[in-house]
Amino acid sequence: MWVVILQLGIVALGSSFIRLDLVDSLWRSYLGYLEGSPYSISKLIRSLSPRYTIHKTEYVRIERLSYTLYSFQEKILERIMGDTLVVGLPTGLGKTYIAGAFLSRMSIEKPIRVLFLVPSVPLGVQQTLFAREKLNIDAYFISGELSRDRRVKLKVWNAGFVVCTPQTFFNDILSDYRGILIDARRVEDPIKFLRDNGLNDFPYDIVVADECQRYIGLTDGYSILLAAKASGSRILALSATPLLHDPVRYGELRKVFDNIQVFTVEDSEIRKSIPKRILKIVEVDLPSRVKLLYDTLIGIANDIIREVKESYGATHDYMKCSEHEECRKAKSLKILAFRLVEDGASSLIHYQTWRLPEIKVRSPSIDVSPYRLFLDVLKESPNHKFDALLAILSRSKYEKAIVFVESIEAARQIGLAFQNMYGMDDVAILVGKELMDLAQQTAALIHFKRRAKILVATSVAEEGLDIPSADLEVWVDPPSNPRKWIQRFGRILRQHGGKREAVTYAIISRGTHERAKLNSISRKTVRYYGFTQIIVEEDIGKQKYLTEDMT
């Protein structure tokens, strides 16, 4: 079945969209381009790691910063006391710059040892470069690129400023305490428990935990924070979206942090320093066959859901059920229909849901099987949002643009189509580890920062990566949760040449679930994080203000 799809040689939307049978070969060409270009990080990673044995315990003194803070960043810095969690400050507003200034102040009295935790290798590379270029110190990145034996031989943990992922540090330093750390999470006072059980020696004076919302629970990152706290080390954690409304997560955070400082873009000082936030909604019509396929898939799913309710009760939640085959089918069909209109038909070519017998048999309402209809849709409308995306980019003035899409396949196809139009140098593509390893992801970010004008990215770009700032953003599909919403928006909140508006376009399909999804996530984002924006309906160049959350 999959061979049939990939051999269709689909061409649509004039010469804009690429043939699907060429996607894999073009993708390999782009990965080869990254690995052979100046943006390759294989040598860079090696250059950031220790090359000689560090025989003695080192300390750093940060005497000169290569940047200055905005006034609102200075005020945030003044509120860092004890073990502090800084939350709610969106990506793009300089959390790392604040952390660097904090470390500089801490090292004035005496040299310090710093452990800088990051959630990913790409971010680790970027934060190490930040420390070297902006803090003017010898910082090292410790990753799996160095084998554990090699790390032991080089005595890497003697370095005075280390950037690494929690897993690498935990495996080398805290793995012998794994049992005690697991037990500590079960007691009311884990810090006292760890001290009573002999965990009171931590090799670093200060721990900076970037994107710490990932740490809560049974994670290496949370274990490191508990161990550092028990040993008396100072902790500064940074998070744009900590989900403080969750009482369980809040309670876990309170076990580590005696000072939680919450900021929003509505704080007066921050608001003066960032552009006005505008979300422009662009509705597109579904081609007739796409609409027919969407309605058919929803109809089949609803029929199964009715059977589920009859069999297991009206309150049975099929979306959360993994026990019943009918529930799994209904959920898969709903997801298939939603992805069809959110990311385009061509994003679904590898979905296993097409194997379901309900899709392979003839449907009386359409006179063919849904699968046969899908093949026809692929020929006519591989991505019904692509024309609108092209129109937005072609009529907008920008230095850098980011295009967000949930689907890896859609991101790859759109990015390659743009490369076909504008050239590989001018279009960077960033997707998850299924198709790009960490070195390639980082190379793609450097490609965007130094050369490319457009970045097409999945949610891997929304969090845990220091993406260069952009002045235009397009959402091919609505974010699936408030965290993604605020992380996406944060990418364009930096000032660009005095610009006063940060504009994001959201493309949604008319007559589908997308409008309700967009509105629902918007309301939750306001409720959870206090993050607001002006919402504008854009229709054939005309703008009508729908809501204005900002005064």
Protein backbone atom coordinates (compact mmCIF):
# COMPACT_ATOMS: atom_id res chain seq x y z
CA MET A 1 0.00 0.00 0.00
CA TRP A 2 2.71 2.43 0.92
CA VAL A 3 4.63 1.79 -2.28
CA VAL A 4 1.53 2.71 -4.28
CA ILE A 5 1.25 6.04 -2.48
CA LEU A 6 4.88 6.96 -2.86
CA GLN A 7 4.94 6.13 -6.57
CA LEU A 8 2.08 8.51 -7.40
CA GLY A 9 4.53 11.26 -8.31
CA ILE A 10 2.08 13.90 -7.10
CA VAL A 11 2.31 17.43 -8.44
CA ALA A 12 -0.14 20.09 -7.28
CA LEU A 13 -0.48 23.83 -6.74
CA GLY A 14 1.35 24.62 -9.94
CA SER A 15 5.07 24.12 -9.47
CA SER A 16 4.98 25.04 -5.78
CA PHE A 17 4.51 21.67 -4.11
CA ILE A 18 7.13 18.99 -4.62
CA ARG A 19 6.49 15.49 -5.89
CA LEU A 20 6.00 13.13 -2.97
CA ASP A 21 8.12 10.45 -4.61
CA LEU A 22 11.07 12.87 -4.44
CA VAL A 23 10.71 13.78 -0.76
CA ASP A 24 13.11 11.16 0.62
CA SER A 25 15.90 11.91 -1.85
CA LEU A 26 15.56 15.67 -1.38
CA TRP A 27 15.57 15.19 2.38
CA ARG A 28 18.80 13.22 2.22
CA SER A 29 20.28 16.02 0.14
CA TYR A 30 19.38 18.58 2.82
CA LEU A 31 20.87 16.47 5.62
CA GLY A 32 24.03 16.07 3.53
CA TYR A 33 24.05 19.83 2.97
CA LEU A 34 23.93 20.43 6.75
CA GLU A 35 26.66 17.91 7.53
CA GLY A 36 28.98 19.30 4.86
CA SER A 37 28.23 22.98 5.41
CA PRO A 38 29.77 25.55 7.78
CA TYR A 39 26.76 24.86 10.03
CA SER A 40 27.83 21.29 10.88
CA ILE A 41 28.40 20.88 14.61
CA SER A 42 30.34 17.61 14.72
CA LYS A 43 33.61 19.54 15.03
CA LEU A 44 31.93 22.19 17.13
CA ILE A 45 30.81 19.68 19.76
CA ARG A 46 34.32 18.30 19.99
CA SER A 47 35.75 21.79 20.35
CA LEU A 48 33.39 22.52 23.25
CA SER A 49 34.34 19.39 25.19
CA PRO A 50 37.51 18.99 27.28
CA ARG A 51 40.40 17.65 25.23
CA TYR A 52 42.92 17.27 28.03
CA THR A 53 42.62 15.89 31.53
CA ILE A 54 41.43 18.45 34.10
CA HIS A 55 43.56 17.35 37.04
CA LYS A 56 42.41 19.90 39.63
CA THR A 57 39.01 21.21 40.66
CA GLU A 58 38.41 24.44 38.76
CA TYR A 59 36.40 27.56 39.58
CA VAL A 60 35.28 30.48 37.45
CA ARG A 61 34.99 34.19 38.06
CA ILE A 62 32.76 36.06 35.64
CA GLU A 63 34.30 39.51 35.55
CA ARG A 64 32.92 40.86 32.28
CA LEU A 65 29.59 40.40 30.51
CA SER A 66 29.37 41.09 26.78
CA TYR A 67 25.84 42.44 27.10
CA THR A 68 23.69 44.69 29.23
CA LEU A 69 20.29 43.92 30.73
CA TYR A 70 17.04 45.70 30.00
CA SER A 71 15.48 47.46 32.97
CA PHE A 72 12.87 44.72 33.45
CA GLN A 73 15.63 42.09 33.44
CA GLU A 74 17.51 44.04 36.12
CA LYS A 75 14.39 44.07 38.31
CA ILE A 76 13.95 40.33 37.85
CA LEU A 77 17.59 39.82 38.81
CA GLU A 78 17.05 41.73 42.06
CA ARG A 79 14.29 39.29 43.02
CA ILE A 80 16.52 36.21 42.84
CA MET A 81 17.14 35.14 46.45
CA GLY A 82 17.90 31.73 47.87
CA ASP A 83 16.80 28.88 45.63
CA THR A 84 14.72 30.66 43.02
CA LEU A 85 12.42 29.58 40.23
CA VAL A 86 11.79 32.28 37.62
CA VAL A 87 8.63 31.39 35.72
CA GLY A 88 6.29 32.75 33.09
CA LEU A 89 8.89 34.72 31.14
CA PRO A 90 8.35 33.66 27.51
CA THR A 91 11.17 32.45 25.35
CA GLY A 92 12.77 35.42 23.67
CA LEU A 93 12.87 37.70 26.72
CA GLY A 94 16.34 36.82 27.89
CA LYS A 95 16.10 34.27 30.72
CA THR A 96 19.63 33.11 29.92
CA TYR A 97 20.94 36.68 30.03
CA ILE A 98 19.44 37.07 33.50
CA ALA A 99 21.05 33.80 34.60
CA GLY A 100 24.44 34.96 33.29
CA ALA A 101 24.18 38.23 35.23
CA PHE A 102 23.19 36.29 38.35
CA LEU A 103 26.25 34.03 38.03
CA SER A 104 28.45 37.08 37.52
CA ARG A 105 27.19 38.64 40.76
CA MET A 106 27.65 35.38 42.64
CA SER A 107 31.27 35.09 41.50
CA ILE A 108 32.27 38.60 42.57
CA GLU A 109 32.98 37.62 46.18
CA LYS A 110 34.75 34.37 45.31
CA PRO A 111 35.08 32.06 42.29
CA ILE A 112 32.27 29.55 41.83
CA ARG A 113 31.57 26.18 40.26
CA VAL A 114 28.54 26.10 37.95
CA LEU A 115 26.45 23.23 36.60
CA PHE A 116 24.17 24.44 33.79
CA LEU A 117 21.48 21.85 33.00
CA VAL A 118 19.77 21.83 29.61
CA PRO A 119 17.04 19.54 28.23
CA SER A 120 18.73 18.79 24.90
CA VAL A 121 22.09 18.57 23.16
CA PRO A 122 21.28 21.38 20.69
CA LEU A 123 20.45 23.75 23.53
CA GLY A 124 23.56 22.57 25.37
CA VAL A 125 25.76 23.56 22.44
CA GLN A 126 24.11 26.96 22.24
CA GLN A 127 24.35 27.65 25.99
CA THR A 128 28.01 26.67 26.02
CA LEU A 129 28.66 29.12 23.21
CA PHE A 130 26.67 31.72 25.14
CA ALA A 131 28.87 31.22 28.21
CA ARG A 132 32.05 31.49 26.19
CA GLU A 133 30.99 34.47 24.08
CA LYS A 134 28.83 36.43 26.53
CA LEU A 135 30.28 35.50 29.93
CA ASN A 136 33.88 35.32 28.63
CA ILE A 137 34.83 32.17 30.51
CA ASP A 138 36.05 28.67 29.74
CA ALA A 139 32.82 26.65 29.61
CA TYR A 140 32.60 23.01 28.56
CA PHE A 141 29.80 20.98 27.07
CA ILE A 142 29.67 17.41 28.37
CA SER A 143 27.55 15.02 26.30
CA GLY A 144 27.29 11.45 25.12
CA GLU A 145 29.73 12.33 22.34
CA LEU A 146 32.32 11.56 25.00
CA SER A 147 32.06 7.99 26.25
CA ARG A 148 31.76 7.51 29.98
CA ASP A 149 35.26 6.01 30.12
CA ARG A 150 36.57 9.04 28.27
CA ARG A 151 34.75 11.38 30.66
CA VAL A 152 36.33 9.61 33.60
CA LYS A 153 39.79 9.75 32.04
CA LEU A 154 39.49 13.47 31.28
CA LYS A 155 38.00 14.17 34.74
CA VAL A 156 35.45 16.41 33.09
CA TRP A 157 33.53 17.14 36.28
CA ASN A 158 36.54 19.03 37.61
CA ALA A 159 35.68 21.80 35.13
CA GLY A 160 34.44 25.00 36.75
CA PHE A 161 31.57 25.66 34.32
CA VAL A 162 29.84 22.65 32.80
CA VAL A 163 26.82 22.54 30.51
CA CYS A 164 25.14 19.15 30.15
CA THR A 165 21.88 17.25 30.05
CA PRO A 166 20.53 15.88 33.36
CA GLN A 167 20.94 12.30 32.19
CA THR A 168 24.69 12.65 31.55
CA PHE A 169 25.38 14.23 34.93
CA PHE A 170 23.12 11.82 36.83
CA ASN A 171 24.70 8.73 35.25
CA ASP A 172 28.21 9.86 36.17
CA ILE A 173 27.69 11.47 39.58
CA LEU A 174 24.41 10.37 41.18
CA SER A 175 23.64 6.90 39.83
CA ASP A 176 24.93 5.27 43.05
CA TYR A 177 22.25 7.21 44.93
CA ARG A 178 19.39 6.18 42.63
CA GLY A 179 17.57 4.14 45.28
CA ILE A 180 17.81 6.87 47.91
CA LEU A 181 16.60 9.51 45.47
CA ILE A 182 13.61 7.39 44.49
CA ASP A 183 12.72 6.90 48.14
CA ALA A 184 13.10 10.62 48.79
CA ARG A 185 10.29 11.44 46.36
CA ARG A 186 7.90 9.40 48.50
CA VAL A 187 8.38 11.37 51.71
CA GLU A 188 7.06 14.76 52.75
CA ASP A 189 10.49 16.28 53.33
CA PRO A 190 12.85 14.80 50.72
CA ILE A 191 15.66 17.22 51.55
CA LYS A 192 15.88 16.14 55.18
CA PHE A 193 15.59 12.51 54.10
CA LEU A 194 18.57 12.84 51.75
CA ARG A 195 20.68 14.62 54.36
CA ASP A 196 19.84 11.97 56.95
CA ASN A 197 20.89 9.28 54.47
CA GLY A 198 24.25 10.79 53.70
CA LEU A 199 23.65 12.66 50.45
CA ASN A 200 25.20 15.98 51.34
CA ASP A 201 28.13 16.37 48.97
CA PHE A 202 27.41 17.97 45.59
CA PRO A 203 30.29 18.92 43.27
CA TYR A 204 28.93 22.32 42.16
CA ASP A 205 28.13 25.51 44.06
CA ILE A 206 25.36 26.68 41.74
CA VAL A 207 22.93 24.78 39.52
CA VAL A 208 21.14 26.60 36.72
CA ALA A 209 18.21 24.51 35.42
CA ASP A 210 16.98 25.71 32.04
CA GLU A 211 13.44 24.76 30.90
CA CYS A 212 12.90 23.16 34.30
CA GLN A 213 9.21 22.38 33.69
CA ARG A 214 10.47 19.05 32.36
CA TYR A 215 12.06 18.06 35.63
CA ILE A 216 9.12 17.38 37.92
CA GLY A 217 8.38 13.71 38.59
CA LEU A 218 10.57 10.67 38.21
CA THR A 219 13.29 12.38 36.22
CA ASP A 220 17.05 12.69 36.47
CA GLY A 221 16.65 16.48 36.47
CA TYR A 222 14.45 16.51 39.56
CA SER A 223 16.83 14.13 41.34
CA ILE A 224 19.71 16.52 40.63
CA LEU A 225 17.76 19.45 42.06
CA LEU A 226 16.94 17.48 45.22
CA ALA A 227 20.57 16.39 45.63
CA ALA A 228 21.84 19.95 45.11
CA LYS A 229 19.32 21.33 47.60
CA ALA A 230 20.24 18.71 50.19
CA SER A 231 23.92 19.59 49.81
CA GLY A 232 23.40 23.32 50.19
CA SER A 233 24.16 24.27 46.61
CA ARG A 234 22.37 27.31 45.20
CA ILE A 235 19.71 26.69 42.53
CA LEU A 236 18.33 29.02 39.86
CA ALA A 237 15.66 27.48 37.63
CA LEU A 238 14.09 29.02 34.54
CA SER A 239 10.79 28.11 32.92
CA ALA A 240 8.38 29.81 30.56
CA THR A 241 5.54 27.36 31.24
CA PRO A 242 5.78 25.66 34.66
CA LEU A 243 2.04 24.80 35.01
CA LEU A 244 1.80 26.22 38.51
CA HIS A 245 -1.98 25.73 38.40
CA ASP A 246 -1.37 22.00 38.91
CA PRO A 247 -1.33 21.52 42.72
CA VAL A 248 0.79 18.36 42.51
CA ARG A 249 3.46 19.99 40.37
CA TYR A 250 3.37 23.12 42.50
CA GLY A 251 3.89 21.04 45.62
CA GLU A 252 6.88 19.29 44.08
CA LEU A 253 8.41 22.62 43.10
CA ARG A 254 7.93 23.97 46.61
CA LYS A 255 10.06 21.15 47.98
CA VAL A 256 13.02 22.61 46.10
CA PHE A 257 12.34 26.34 45.72
CA ASP A 258 11.75 28.73 48.60
CA ASN A 259 11.38 31.61 46.14
CA ILE A 260 9.08 31.33 43.10
CA GLN A 261 8.98 34.52 41.07
CA VAL A 262 6.15 34.64 38.54
CA PHE A 263 6.23 37.06 35.62
CA THR A 264 3.91 37.63 32.71
CA VAL A 265 4.06 39.73 29.59
CA GLU A 266 1.46 41.94 31.26
CA ASP A 267 3.95 43.12 33.90
CA SER A 268 4.35 46.83 33.23
CA GLU A 269 8.14 46.77 32.87
CA ILE A 270 8.10 43.79 30.53
CA ARG A 271 5.24 45.18 28.50
CA LYS A 272 7.18 48.35 27.79
CA SER A 273 10.08 46.31 26.41
CA ILE A 274 8.28 43.94 24.02
CA PRO A 275 6.22 44.48 20.88
CA LYS A 276 2.43 44.39 20.80
CA ARG A 277 1.25 40.83 20.21
CA ILE A 278 -1.12 40.26 17.29
CA LEU A 279 -2.58 36.96 16.13
CA LYS A 280 -4.06 37.11 12.62
CA ILE A 281 -6.45 34.27 11.81
CA VAL A 282 -6.61 33.26 8.16
CA GLU A 283 -9.44 30.90 7.20
CA VAL A 284 -9.09 28.73 4.10
CA ASP A 285 -11.74 26.67 2.34
CA LEU A 286 -11.38 22.93 2.16
CA PRO A 287 -11.35 21.56 -1.40
CA SER A 288 -14.53 19.58 -1.97
CA ARG A 289 -12.88 16.16 -1.93
CA VAL A 290 -10.88 17.01 1.20
CA LYS A 291 -14.10 18.09 2.93
CA LEU A 292 -15.81 14.90 1.79
CA LEU A 293 -12.97 12.77 3.15
CA TYR A 294 -12.92 14.70 6.43
CA ASP A 295 -16.69 14.29 6.93
CA THR A 296 -16.52 10.61 5.99
CA LEU A 297 -13.75 9.84 8.48
CA ILE A 298 -15.56 11.74 11.23
CA GLY A 299 -18.76 9.88 10.37
CA ILE A 300 -17.11 6.45 10.60
CA ALA A 301 -15.50 7.43 13.91
CA ASN A 302 -18.83 8.66 15.31
CA ASP A 303 -20.52 5.39 14.33
CA ILE A 304 -17.91 3.47 16.29
CA ILE A 305 -18.22 5.86 19.23
CA ARG A 306 -21.97 5.24 19.38
CA GLU A 307 -21.29 1.50 19.56
CA VAL A 308 -18.73 2.14 22.30
CA LYS A 309 -21.27 4.11 24.35
CA GLU A 310 -23.85 1.36 23.94
CA SER A 311 -21.39 -1.32 25.01
CA TYR A 312 -19.48 0.43 27.81
CA GLY A 313 -21.76 3.23 28.98
CA ALA A 314 -22.37 6.85 28.05
CA THR A 315 -19.54 8.13 30.25
CA HIS A 316 -16.88 5.84 28.79
CA ASP A 317 -13.95 7.95 27.56
CA TYR A 318 -12.80 6.35 24.34
CA MET A 319 -9.94 8.86 23.94
CA LYS A 320 -8.28 7.67 27.15
CA CYS A 321 -9.14 3.99 26.73
CA SER A 322 -6.45 1.64 25.46
CA GLU A 323 -8.21 -1.59 26.45
CA HIS A 324 -10.90 -1.86 23.76
CA GLU A 325 -10.16 -2.21 20.07
CA GLU A 326 -13.22 -0.12 19.17
CA CYS A 327 -11.93 2.77 21.28
CA ARG A 328 -8.53 2.61 19.64
CA LYS A 329 -10.15 2.62 16.21
CA ALA A 330 -12.36 5.62 16.99
CA LYS A 331 -9.44 7.57 18.40
CA SER A 332 -7.21 6.76 15.40
CA LEU A 333 -9.91 7.82 12.95
CA LYS A 334 -10.53 11.11 14.74
CA ILE A 335 -6.81 11.86 14.78
CA LEU A 336 -6.59 10.99 11.08
CA ALA A 337 -9.44 13.38 10.24
CA PHE A 338 -7.99 16.17 12.39
CA ARG A 339 -4.51 15.81 10.88
CA LEU A 340 -6.03 15.85 7.39
CA VAL A 341 -7.35 19.39 7.80
CA GLU A 342 -4.65 20.68 10.13
CA ASP A 343 -1.54 19.54 8.28
CA GLY A 344 -2.73 18.48 4.83
CA ALA A 345 -3.41 15.14 3.17
CA SER A 346 0.21 14.47 2.23
CA SER A 347 1.20 14.48 5.91
CA LEU A 348 -0.80 11.25 6.36
CA ILE A 349 0.96 8.99 3.87
CA HIS A 350 2.66 6.91 6.59
CA TYR A 351 -0.31 6.62 8.98
CA GLN A 352 -1.08 3.01 9.88
CA THR A 353 -4.76 3.92 10.34
CA TRP A 354 -5.21 3.48 6.56
CA ARG A 355 -4.91 -0.26 7.19
CA LEU A 356 -8.22 -0.38 9.10
CA PRO A 357 -10.84 -2.44 7.23
CA GLU A 358 -13.44 0.29 7.84
CA ILE A 359 -11.39 2.57 5.58
CA LYS A 360 -10.51 0.02 2.89
CA VAL A 361 -14.10 -0.99 2.05
CA ARG A 362 -16.49 0.95 -0.18
CA SER A 363 -18.53 3.61 1.60
CA PRO A 364 -22.10 4.05 0.27
CA SER A 365 -22.01 7.80 0.98
CA ILE A 366 -19.03 8.43 -1.32
CA ASP A 367 -19.31 5.39 -3.66
CA VAL A 368 -15.65 4.49 -3.13
CA SER A 369 -13.55 3.47 -0.15
CA PRO A 370 -12.21 6.30 2.05
CA TYR A 371 -8.73 5.07 1.21
CA ARG A 372 -9.41 5.37 -2.53
CA LEU A 373 -10.75 8.88 -1.93
CA PHE A 374 -7.58 9.68 0.01
CA LEU A 375 -5.43 8.68 -2.99
CA ASP A 376 -7.49 11.00 -5.19
CA VAL A 377 -7.10 13.82 -2.66
CA LEU A 378 -3.33 13.33 -2.67
CA LYS A 379 -3.26 13.94 -6.41
CA GLU A 380 -5.45 17.05 -6.30
CA SER A 381 -4.76 18.73 -2.93
CA PRO A 382 -1.71 17.39 -1.06
CA ASN A 383 -1.78 20.41 1.24
CA HIS A 384 -4.76 22.77 0.99
CA LYS A 385 -3.07 25.37 3.24
CA PHE A 386 0.05 25.78 1.14
CA ASP A 387 -1.29 28.56 -1.09
CA ALA A 388 -2.34 30.62 1.94
CA LEU A 389 1.08 30.08 3.51
CA LEU A 390 2.78 31.24 0.33
CA ALA A 391 0.54 34.31 0.13
CA ILE A 392 1.34 35.32 3.72
CA LEU A 393 5.09 35.02 3.21
CA SER A 394 5.09 36.71 -0.20
CA ARG A 395 3.19 39.81 0.91
CA SER A 396 4.86 40.25 4.31
CA LYS A 397 8.02 42.20 5.02
CA TYR A 398 10.37 40.31 7.32
CA GLU A 399 14.00 39.56 7.99
CA LYS A 400 13.38 36.11 9.45
CA ALA A 401 10.21 33.99 9.41
CA ILE A 402 9.30 30.82 11.31
CA VAL A 403 6.64 28.42 10.03
CA PHE A 404 5.30 26.05 12.70
CA VAL A 405 3.52 22.78 11.93
CA GLU A 406 2.79 19.83 14.22
CA SER A 407 3.38 17.05 11.68
CA ILE A 408 6.95 16.02 10.94
CA GLU A 409 6.00 14.90 7.44
CA ALA A 410 4.19 18.18 6.70
CA ALA A 411 7.15 20.21 7.97
CA ARG A 412 9.51 18.22 5.80
CA GLN A 413 7.37 18.57 2.68
CA ILE A 414 6.70 22.29 3.15
CA GLY A 415 10.34 23.00 3.92
CA LEU A 416 11.55 21.11 0.88
CA ALA A 417 8.98 22.88 -1.30
CA PHE A 418 10.33 26.22 -0.09
CA GLN A 419 13.88 25.08 -0.75
CA ASN A 420 12.82 24.17 -4.27
CA MET A 421 11.43 27.69 -4.70
CA TYR A 422 13.97 29.85 -2.86
CA GLY A 423 17.10 27.68 -2.68
CA MET A 424 18.50 25.49 0.06
CA ASP A 425 20.65 28.27 1.50
CA ASP A 426 17.59 30.39 2.32
CA VAL A 427 15.35 27.76 3.96
CA ALA A 428 16.17 25.79 7.11
CA ILE A 429 14.12 22.80 8.28
CA LEU A 430 13.95 21.55 11.86
CA VAL A 431 12.09 18.38 12.88
CA GLY A 432 12.29 15.81 15.67
CA LYS A 433 14.71 12.98 16.24
CA GLU A 434 12.69 10.59 14.06
CA LEU A 435 14.24 12.25 11.00
CA MET A 436 17.03 14.46 12.37
CA ASP A 437 19.60 13.57 14.97
CA LEU A 438 20.62 16.15 17.54
CA ALA A 439 23.68 17.25 15.59
CA GLN A 440 21.55 17.88 12.50
CA GLN A 441 18.97 19.80 14.55
CA THR A 442 21.63 22.10 15.90
CA ALA A 443 23.14 22.55 12.45
CA ALA A 444 19.68 23.54 11.16
CA LEU A 445 19.41 26.19 13.88
CA ILE A 446 22.83 27.59 13.01
CA HIS A 447 21.76 27.54 9.35
CA PHE A 448 18.73 29.68 10.23
CA LYS A 449 20.70 32.03 12.47
CA ARG A 450 23.52 32.71 10.04
CA ARG A 451 21.97 32.43 6.61
CA ALA A 452 18.42 31.18 6.04
CA LYS A 453 15.49 33.57 5.84
CA ILE A 454 12.78 30.97 6.60
CA LEU A 455 12.68 28.19 9.20
CA VAL A 456 10.05 25.44 8.88
CA ALA A 457 9.81 23.57 12.17
CA THR A 458 7.77 21.18 14.29
CA SER A 459 7.21 21.48 18.02
CA VAL A 460 10.85 20.54 18.62
CA ALA A 461 11.45 24.25 17.99
CA GLU A 462 8.89 25.40 20.54
CA GLU A 463 10.81 24.45 23.66
CA GLY A 464 14.29 23.51 24.76
CA LEU A 465 16.06 25.16 21.85
CA ASP A 466 17.45 28.65 21.57
CA ILE A 467 16.03 29.55 18.17
CA PRO A 468 17.24 32.83 16.73
CA SER A 469 14.58 35.49 16.90
CA ALA A 470 12.22 36.11 13.99
CA ASP A 471 9.94 38.98 13.11
CA LEU A 472 7.19 36.94 11.44
CA GLU A 473 5.60 33.65 12.39
CA VAL A 474 2.99 31.43 10.73
CA TRP A 475 1.12 28.56 12.38
CA VAL A 476 0.03 26.06 9.76
CA ASP A 477 -2.04 24.42 12.49
CA PRO A 478 -3.21 25.53 15.95
CA PRO A 479 -0.95 24.68 18.90
CA SER A 480 -2.25 21.61 20.73
CA ASN A 481 -1.89 23.05 24.24
CA PRO A 482 -1.22 26.35 26.06
CA ARG A 483 2.46 25.55 26.59
CA LYS A 484 2.99 25.25 22.85
CA TRP A 485 1.00 28.47 22.32
CA ILE A 486 3.19 30.58 24.58
CA GLN A 487 6.42 28.95 23.42
CA ARG A 488 5.58 29.59 19.77
CA PHE A 489 4.67 33.20 20.41
CA GLY A 490 7.83 33.73 22.43
CA ARG A 491 9.93 33.28 19.30
CA ILE A 492 8.96 36.70 17.94
CA LEU A 493 8.80 38.84 21.10
CA ARG A 494 12.25 40.31 20.71
CA GLN A 495 12.48 43.82 19.33
CA HIS A 496 13.59 44.00 15.69
CA GLY A 497 14.88 47.38 14.63
CA GLY A 498 12.38 49.15 16.86
CA LYS A 499 9.37 47.16 15.63
CA ARG A 500 6.33 47.55 17.84
CA GLU A 501 4.25 44.60 16.67
CA ALA A 502 4.93 40.88 16.88
CA VAL A 503 2.71 39.34 14.22
CA THR A 504 1.69 35.69 14.06
CA TYR A 505 -0.61 34.20 11.43
CA ALA A 506 -2.73 31.14 12.20
CA ILE A 507 -4.15 29.26 9.21
CA ILE A 508 -7.33 27.29 9.94
CA SER A 509 -9.73 25.31 7.76
CA ARG A 510 -13.26 26.69 7.49
CA GLY A 511 -16.10 24.42 8.64
CA THR A 512 -13.90 22.08 10.72
CA HIS A 513 -12.88 21.65 14.34
CA GLU A 514 -9.89 24.00 13.96
CA ARG A 515 -11.69 27.22 14.92
CA ALA A 516 -12.95 25.69 18.19
CA LYS A 517 -9.51 24.24 18.92
CA LEU A 518 -7.80 27.59 18.38
CA ASN A 519 -10.31 29.41 20.60
CA SER A 520 -10.09 26.77 23.33
CA ILE A 521 -6.28 26.81 23.55
CA SER A 522 -6.30 30.62 23.46
CA ARG A 523 -8.64 30.80 26.47
CA LYS A 524 -6.57 28.27 28.40
CA THR A 525 -3.38 30.20 27.65
CA VAL A 526 -4.92 33.34 29.12
CA ARG A 527 -6.22 31.45 32.14
CA TYR A 528 -3.04 29.50 32.89
CA TYR A 529 -0.37 32.06 32.03
CA GLY A 530 -2.07 35.43 31.65
CA PHE A 531 -0.68 35.57 28.11
CA THR A 532 -2.87 37.67 25.84
CA GLN A 533 -2.80 39.09 22.35
CA ILE A 534 -4.93 41.08 19.97
CA ILE A 535 -6.83 38.65 17.75
CA VAL A 536 -7.54 39.74 14.19
CA GLU A 537 -9.55 38.05 11.44
CA GLU A 538 -7.71 38.45 8.16
CA ASP A 539 -9.82 38.10 5.03
CA ILE A 540 -8.62 39.15 1.56
CA GLY A 541 -6.43 41.87 3.00
CA LYS A 542 -9.10 43.26 5.31
CA GLN A 543 -8.72 43.20 9.07
CA LYS A 544 -11.53 43.05 11.59
CA TYR A 545 -10.69 43.16 15.29
CA LEU A 546 -12.52 40.31 16.99
CA THR A 547 -11.22 40.60 20.53
CA GLU A 548 -8.73 42.82 22.26
CA ASP A 549 -7.34 41.27 25.40
CA MET A 550 -4.79 44.05 25.87
CA THR A 551 -5.67 47.53 26.96
